[in-house]
Amino acid sequence: MQTSEQQSSLRPRIGIPVRLSSSESADPRVGEANELFDFIVELVRDAGAEPVLLDASFTDEAGPLAAELRSLNGVLLPGGGDLDPRLYGEEATEACCDVNPDQDRLDLAVARGSLDAGLPTLGICRGHQLLNVVYGGTLIQDMHPSLVEHSGLTPAEGELSAWAWHDVELSPDSKVAGLYGSRTSVRIASGHHQAVARVGDGLVVTAVADDGTVEALEDPQRWVASVQWHPEASQLPDEERLAPFKAFVEVCRALRPVG
């Protein structure tokens, strides 16, 4: 039998579905999303876990994915392109970016499989929107301008700037607040043009921007949470970037003991 010290030295295995769109795309947002994916993998490793990359072969929830999920301690759903609006009962508008059916199949299989397996699950940006859709919610396909800047785009040129920065208030005692050391306010790096519309059944909102945008969700019945922002943004101080990933790794270690 392993001692508690031996168990704490083992690295939880965190599953992360890979990004399938090429960084060579003419849309600069694709390359940005792929770079952020690499940041997430690095941060998960630096936080004390072993990132397990799930590729397009893991799309059969009853086959290899189910077997792989049984070996994991948690799942992280990263950012990326837009979900196909048909997944939430709408037709796509011209505003949709990088809709990739293979990516949707992979991410949906991983998200649903993770929930079925009872794994701690954290969604970031697209992952936040994905979880809302999995729970039966809908999305705003293209946000209207508001007093809060969200997209990180230069409107006149349609080019990426670093980020849009703003503060959000976190619900006390929420799972997301726990990722930030129980803070009730955090300054976030925002880069999205879509957002949660109707909240999925069973989810509760735990952070909202000043313009009403849903910034964080969680399932009160299990450890499932998501944020619309990018805690992995390289412009954040190193310690602040790493903190929520370390906290999530500890959640996985506690709820799905290693070894």
Protein backbone atom coordinates (compact mmCIF):
# COMPACT_ATOMS: atom_id res chain seq x y z
CA MET A 1 0.00 0.00 0.00
CA GLN A 2 1.28 3.46 -0.87
CA THR A 3 1.85 5.97 1.88
CA SER A 4 0.25 9.42 1.68
CA GLU A 5 3.69 10.87 0.89
CA GLN A 6 4.15 8.46 -2.03
CA GLN A 7 0.67 9.26 -3.36
CA SER A 8 1.27 13.02 -3.16
CA SER A 9 4.48 12.62 -5.21
CA LEU A 10 2.63 10.96 -8.10
CA ARG A 11 1.38 13.12 -10.93
CA PRO A 12 -2.35 13.15 -11.69
CA ARG A 13 -3.13 12.49 -15.36
CA ILE A 14 -5.15 15.30 -16.95
CA GLY A 15 -6.74 14.62 -20.33
CA ILE A 16 -6.73 17.48 -22.85
CA PRO A 17 -8.27 17.15 -26.34
CA VAL A 18 -5.81 18.41 -28.97
CA ARG A 19 -6.52 21.24 -31.43
CA LEU A 20 -7.09 19.96 -34.97
CA SER A 21 -7.12 23.17 -37.04
CA SER A 22 -3.83 24.16 -38.66
CA SER A 23 -1.99 27.23 -37.45
CA GLU A 24 -1.34 27.99 -41.13
CA SER A 25 -4.97 29.15 -41.46
CA ALA A 26 -5.49 32.61 -42.90
CA ASP A 27 -7.45 33.51 -39.77
CA PRO A 28 -4.88 34.58 -37.12
CA ARG A 29 -7.21 33.40 -34.36
CA VAL A 30 -6.45 29.78 -35.26
CA GLY A 31 -2.72 30.17 -34.69
CA GLU A 32 -3.40 32.07 -31.48
CA ALA A 33 -5.66 29.28 -30.19
CA ASN A 34 -3.02 26.65 -30.97
CA GLU A 35 -0.35 28.65 -29.14
CA LEU A 36 -2.65 28.96 -26.12
CA PHE A 37 -3.19 25.20 -26.22
CA ASP A 38 0.58 24.73 -25.92
CA PHE A 39 0.61 27.13 -22.95
CA ILE A 40 -2.11 25.07 -21.24
CA VAL A 41 -0.18 21.84 -21.71
CA GLU A 42 2.93 23.47 -20.22
CA LEU A 43 1.01 24.90 -17.27
CA VAL A 44 -0.67 21.58 -16.48
CA ARG A 45 2.77 19.96 -16.42
CA ASP A 46 4.28 22.78 -14.35
CA ALA A 47 1.33 22.47 -11.95
CA GLY A 48 2.39 18.92 -11.09
CA ALA A 49 0.20 16.83 -13.43
CA GLU A 50 0.87 14.73 -16.51
CA PRO A 51 -0.97 16.13 -19.55
CA VAL A 52 -2.51 13.34 -21.63
CA LEU A 53 -3.26 14.53 -25.16
CA LEU A 54 -6.45 13.06 -26.63
CA ASP A 55 -6.52 13.07 -30.42
CA ALA A 56 -9.13 12.35 -33.06
CA SER A 57 -8.91 8.59 -32.43
CA PHE A 58 -10.74 9.19 -29.14
CA THR A 59 -14.16 9.90 -30.58
CA ASP A 60 -15.98 6.67 -29.69
CA GLU A 61 -17.25 7.12 -26.14
CA ALA A 62 -17.83 3.37 -25.80
CA GLY A 63 -14.41 2.38 -27.16
CA PRO A 64 -10.84 3.67 -26.71
CA LEU A 65 -11.98 6.94 -25.14
CA ALA A 66 -13.85 5.20 -22.35
CA ALA A 67 -10.79 3.09 -21.58
CA GLU A 68 -8.50 6.13 -21.61
CA LEU A 69 -10.82 8.14 -19.37
CA ARG A 70 -10.70 5.40 -16.73
CA SER A 71 -6.95 6.06 -16.42
CA LEU A 72 -7.35 9.83 -15.96
CA ASN A 73 -7.77 11.97 -12.85
CA GLY A 74 -9.36 14.94 -14.59
CA VAL A 75 -10.10 16.61 -17.93
CA LEU A 76 -9.38 20.12 -19.17
CA LEU A 77 -11.29 21.46 -22.19
CA PRO A 78 -9.25 24.24 -23.87
CA GLY A 79 -10.09 27.15 -26.17
CA GLY A 80 -10.32 27.14 -29.95
CA GLY A 81 -12.71 27.88 -32.79
CA ASP A 82 -16.48 28.21 -32.68
CA LEU A 83 -18.81 25.29 -32.11
CA ASP A 84 -21.15 24.40 -34.97
CA PRO A 85 -24.37 26.25 -34.06
CA ARG A 86 -26.39 23.25 -35.21
CA LEU A 87 -25.24 21.61 -31.98
CA TYR A 88 -27.53 24.03 -30.13
CA GLY A 89 -30.29 24.21 -32.71
CA GLU A 90 -29.27 27.18 -34.84
CA GLU A 91 -27.92 27.84 -38.32
CA ALA A 92 -24.47 29.37 -38.57
CA THR A 93 -24.03 33.03 -39.42
CA GLU A 94 -21.08 34.53 -41.28
CA ALA A 95 -19.59 35.56 -37.95
CA CYS A 96 -18.68 31.97 -37.04
CA CYS A 97 -14.94 31.23 -37.07
CA ASP A 98 -13.05 27.97 -37.61
CA VAL A 99 -16.03 25.62 -37.29
CA ASN A 100 -14.38 22.19 -37.46
CA PRO A 101 -16.65 19.10 -37.36
CA ASP A 102 -13.76 16.84 -36.33
CA GLN A 103 -12.90 19.14 -33.45
CA ASP A 104 -16.54 19.24 -32.36
CA ARG A 105 -16.75 15.43 -32.40
CA LEU A 106 -13.56 15.07 -30.36
CA ASP A 107 -14.37 17.75 -27.80
CA LEU A 108 -17.97 16.58 -27.35
CA ALA A 109 -16.87 12.97 -26.91
CA VAL A 110 -14.27 13.96 -24.32
CA ALA A 111 -16.64 16.29 -22.46
CA ARG A 112 -19.51 13.80 -22.34
CA GLY A 113 -17.19 10.94 -21.47
CA SER A 114 -15.62 12.96 -18.68
CA LEU A 115 -19.01 13.79 -17.20
CA ASP A 116 -20.16 10.17 -17.46
CA ALA A 117 -16.97 9.04 -15.71
CA GLY A 118 -17.40 11.59 -12.92
CA LEU A 119 -14.03 13.22 -13.59
CA PRO A 120 -13.24 16.73 -12.39
CA THR A 121 -13.67 18.86 -15.51
CA LEU A 122 -12.52 22.40 -16.25
CA GLY A 123 -13.47 24.34 -19.39
CA ILE A 124 -11.62 27.39 -20.75
CA CYS A 125 -13.15 29.76 -23.33
CA ARG A 126 -14.42 27.35 -26.03
CA GLY A 127 -14.42 24.71 -23.29
CA HIS A 128 -16.74 26.95 -21.24
CA GLN A 129 -19.11 27.29 -24.19
CA LEU A 130 -18.82 23.57 -24.98
CA LEU A 131 -19.89 22.57 -21.47
CA ASN A 132 -22.85 24.92 -21.64
CA VAL A 133 -23.97 23.27 -24.90
CA VAL A 134 -23.43 19.76 -23.48
CA TYR A 135 -25.76 20.73 -20.62
CA GLY A 136 -28.38 21.86 -23.16
CA GLY A 137 -27.60 25.58 -23.28
CA THR A 138 -27.16 27.89 -26.26
CA LEU A 139 -24.61 30.49 -27.39
CA ILE A 140 -24.58 34.03 -28.74
CA GLN A 141 -23.00 33.56 -32.17
CA ASP A 142 -21.57 37.09 -32.31
CA MET A 143 -21.66 39.50 -29.40
CA HIS A 144 -22.88 43.05 -29.81
CA PRO A 145 -20.52 45.86 -28.74
CA SER A 146 -20.96 46.84 -25.11
CA LEU A 147 -19.29 48.84 -22.37
CA VAL A 148 -17.01 45.84 -21.73
CA GLU A 149 -14.51 44.85 -24.42
CA HIS A 150 -14.29 41.07 -24.83
CA SER A 151 -12.84 40.18 -28.21
CA GLY A 152 -9.25 41.41 -28.25
CA LEU A 153 -9.81 42.43 -31.87
CA THR A 154 -8.94 45.77 -33.41
CA PRO A 155 -12.36 46.63 -34.91
CA ALA A 156 -11.02 48.76 -37.76
CA GLU A 157 -8.56 46.14 -38.97
CA GLY A 158 -9.97 42.86 -37.68
CA GLU A 159 -6.54 41.99 -36.32
CA LEU A 160 -5.64 40.42 -33.02
CA SER A 161 -4.35 42.65 -30.30
CA ALA A 162 -2.99 41.11 -27.11
CA TRP A 163 -6.19 40.85 -25.05
CA ALA A 164 -9.15 42.77 -23.79
CA TRP A 165 -8.72 43.17 -20.03
CA HIS A 166 -11.46 43.65 -17.47
CA ASP A 167 -12.43 42.62 -13.95
CA VAL A 168 -15.02 40.03 -12.96
CA GLU A 169 -16.60 39.36 -9.59
CA LEU A 170 -16.55 35.70 -8.51
CA SER A 171 -19.31 34.16 -6.41
CA PRO A 172 -17.92 33.46 -2.93
CA ASP A 173 -17.29 29.76 -2.22
CA SER A 174 -17.68 28.88 -5.91
CA LYS A 175 -15.38 26.36 -7.57
CA VAL A 176 -13.85 29.08 -9.75
CA ALA A 177 -13.20 31.29 -6.72
CA GLY A 178 -11.41 28.29 -5.21
CA LEU A 179 -9.10 28.16 -8.22
CA TYR A 180 -8.04 31.70 -7.34
CA GLY A 181 -7.46 31.15 -3.65
CA SER A 182 -11.03 32.13 -2.71
CA ARG A 183 -10.63 35.60 -4.19
CA THR A 184 -13.88 37.33 -5.10
CA SER A 185 -12.50 39.49 -7.89
CA VAL A 186 -9.98 38.79 -10.65
CA ARG A 187 -8.64 40.73 -13.63
CA ILE A 188 -9.01 38.58 -16.71
CA ALA A 189 -7.57 38.24 -20.20
CA SER A 190 -10.57 38.12 -22.53
CA GLY A 191 -10.54 37.09 -26.20
CA HIS A 192 -13.88 35.85 -27.51
CA HIS A 193 -16.68 36.98 -29.81
CA GLN A 194 -19.22 34.39 -28.66
CA ALA A 195 -20.73 33.85 -25.23
CA VAL A 196 -23.30 31.89 -23.27
CA ALA A 197 -26.91 32.75 -24.17
CA ARG A 198 -29.25 30.33 -22.37
CA VAL A 199 -27.51 28.61 -19.47
CA GLY A 200 -27.59 24.82 -19.63
CA ASP A 201 -29.80 22.84 -17.28
CA GLY A 202 -28.06 22.05 -14.02
CA LEU A 203 -25.42 24.77 -14.34
CA VAL A 204 -25.20 27.90 -12.21
CA VAL A 205 -23.53 31.19 -13.08
CA THR A 206 -20.64 32.07 -10.75
CA ALA A 207 -19.12 35.11 -12.50
CA VAL A 208 -20.66 37.82 -14.67
CA ALA A 209 -19.07 40.80 -16.46
CA ASP A 210 -20.46 44.30 -15.95
CA ASP A 211 -22.39 43.99 -19.23
CA GLY A 212 -24.07 40.75 -18.13
CA THR A 213 -21.82 38.34 -20.04
CA VAL A 214 -21.65 34.96 -18.31
CA GLU A 215 -17.99 34.56 -17.37
CA ALA A 216 -18.07 31.36 -15.29
CA LEU A 217 -20.32 28.35 -14.80
CA GLU A 218 -20.35 25.33 -12.55
CA ASP A 219 -22.34 22.22 -11.73
CA PRO A 220 -23.17 22.30 -8.01
CA GLN A 221 -23.63 18.52 -7.95
CA ARG A 222 -20.11 17.61 -9.11
CA TRP A 223 -16.72 19.20 -9.80
CA VAL A 224 -17.42 20.72 -13.19
CA ALA A 225 -16.56 24.37 -13.78
CA SER A 226 -15.69 26.68 -16.65
CA VAL A 227 -14.40 30.17 -17.36
CA GLN A 228 -14.87 32.34 -20.45
CA TRP A 229 -11.46 33.97 -20.01
CA HIS A 230 -7.87 32.77 -20.54
CA PRO A 231 -5.96 32.10 -17.30
CA GLU A 232 -3.08 30.84 -19.46
CA ALA A 233 -2.44 34.24 -21.14
CA SER A 234 1.32 34.83 -21.27
CA GLN A 235 0.94 38.50 -20.32
CA LEU A 236 -0.09 37.49 -16.79
CA PRO A 237 2.57 37.15 -14.08
CA ASP A 238 3.94 33.60 -13.97
CA GLU A 239 2.64 32.88 -10.48
CA GLU A 240 -0.84 34.15 -11.35
CA ARG A 241 -0.94 32.05 -14.53
CA LEU A 242 0.06 28.88 -12.72
CA ALA A 243 -2.16 29.24 -9.64
CA PRO A 244 -5.53 28.13 -11.10
CA PHE A 245 -3.92 25.14 -12.82
CA LYS A 246 -2.21 24.08 -9.58
CA ALA A 247 -5.53 24.39 -7.78
CA PHE A 248 -7.27 22.26 -10.42
CA VAL A 249 -4.55 19.62 -10.21
CA GLU A 250 -5.07 19.45 -6.45
CA VAL A 251 -8.83 19.06 -7.00
CA CYS A 252 -8.12 16.13 -9.32
CA ARG A 253 -5.68 14.63 -6.83
CA ALA A 254 -8.24 14.90 -4.01
CA LEU A 255 -11.29 13.64 -5.91
CA ARG A 256 -9.55 10.99 -8.02
CA PRO A 257 -6.60 9.81 -5.93
CA VAL A 258 -3.49 8.86 -7.86
CA GLY A 259 -2.12 5.35 -7.79
